[in-house]
Amino acid sequence: MKDTIRAEWRKLRTTRTGKGLLAATVALTALGAWGTLHEMGPATSTASTIAALPLFLLATWSVSILAMVLGIRSVTDEVRHGSLVPTLLATPDRRRVVGAKLAVAGAAGAVLGLAAIATGTAFAMIWTATHGGMLALGGTAFAILTVKVAAVGAAWAAIGLGIGLIVRHQVAAIVGALVYLFVVEDLIGGLFDGVAKFLPGSAADAFIGMSAGGAELVAPVVGAMLLAGYAALSMGVGTERLVRGDIS
């Protein structure tokens, strides 16, 4: 198993996917932090801690999207370039391959979460200092927030990996997943009252403890359970499709 994980890590480390998504996470988090802090203006100084600022909601969304794309591409890049067949020939146990991909993609998703937290924190502290204010990290609250954002990144990477295993066509998988997040989830919430808070995007917001526009959310622990459930469902279906299906 260690050799399989090492091989998957080498694939991620030697391609542009991971580096590009990490750079995109930093850029989007910085842009979102700038927009949030600029809109808050002088009110920024009234927030006593970093964790009290709403900029991490935007960071969480960036991490969710990019980690999901990372998970999808960890499979579809191999399908696209024809390296999935040699991978499965080298490791005939397909569940082991999936497990290795999950370990690497989940860890990479968590790294995206940590990068977002680090970028948002640095940006907020520099912004506040240059505007005559001062922010503290927030101790335990900040540590918990950091762990939660990293966990969200890992969960969405797992969801993306499952989607990639199910769909396999890179463009269809990525576009379909993004359309769901940006359009379908809101549409379902609009058509069916009380359903939106149980969907993956809202579950992640609930787990973090932040929402846009005062949206109704479930309790954080329920959000965590829902997000983990969606990740498990996606991975379960994707794994069975790979194990039972033909690879050509």
Foldseek 3Di string as FASTA:
>chain_A
DVVLLVVLLVVCVPDCLLVVLLVVLLVQLLVLLVVQCVVCDPVLQVDAALLPGQSVLSSLVSLLLSLLLLLLCSQLVCLVVVNVVVSCVVPVPLVVNLVSSLVNSLQSSLVSLLSSLVSSVVSSQVVQVVVPHHYHHPPPSNVLLSVLSSNSRSLSSLLSNLLNLVPSNSVCSSVVVVCCVPPVLVVVCVVDPPCSQLDLSNLSCQLSPHDPPPDDHDHNVSSVVSSNVSSCVSSVNSSVCVVPHDRD
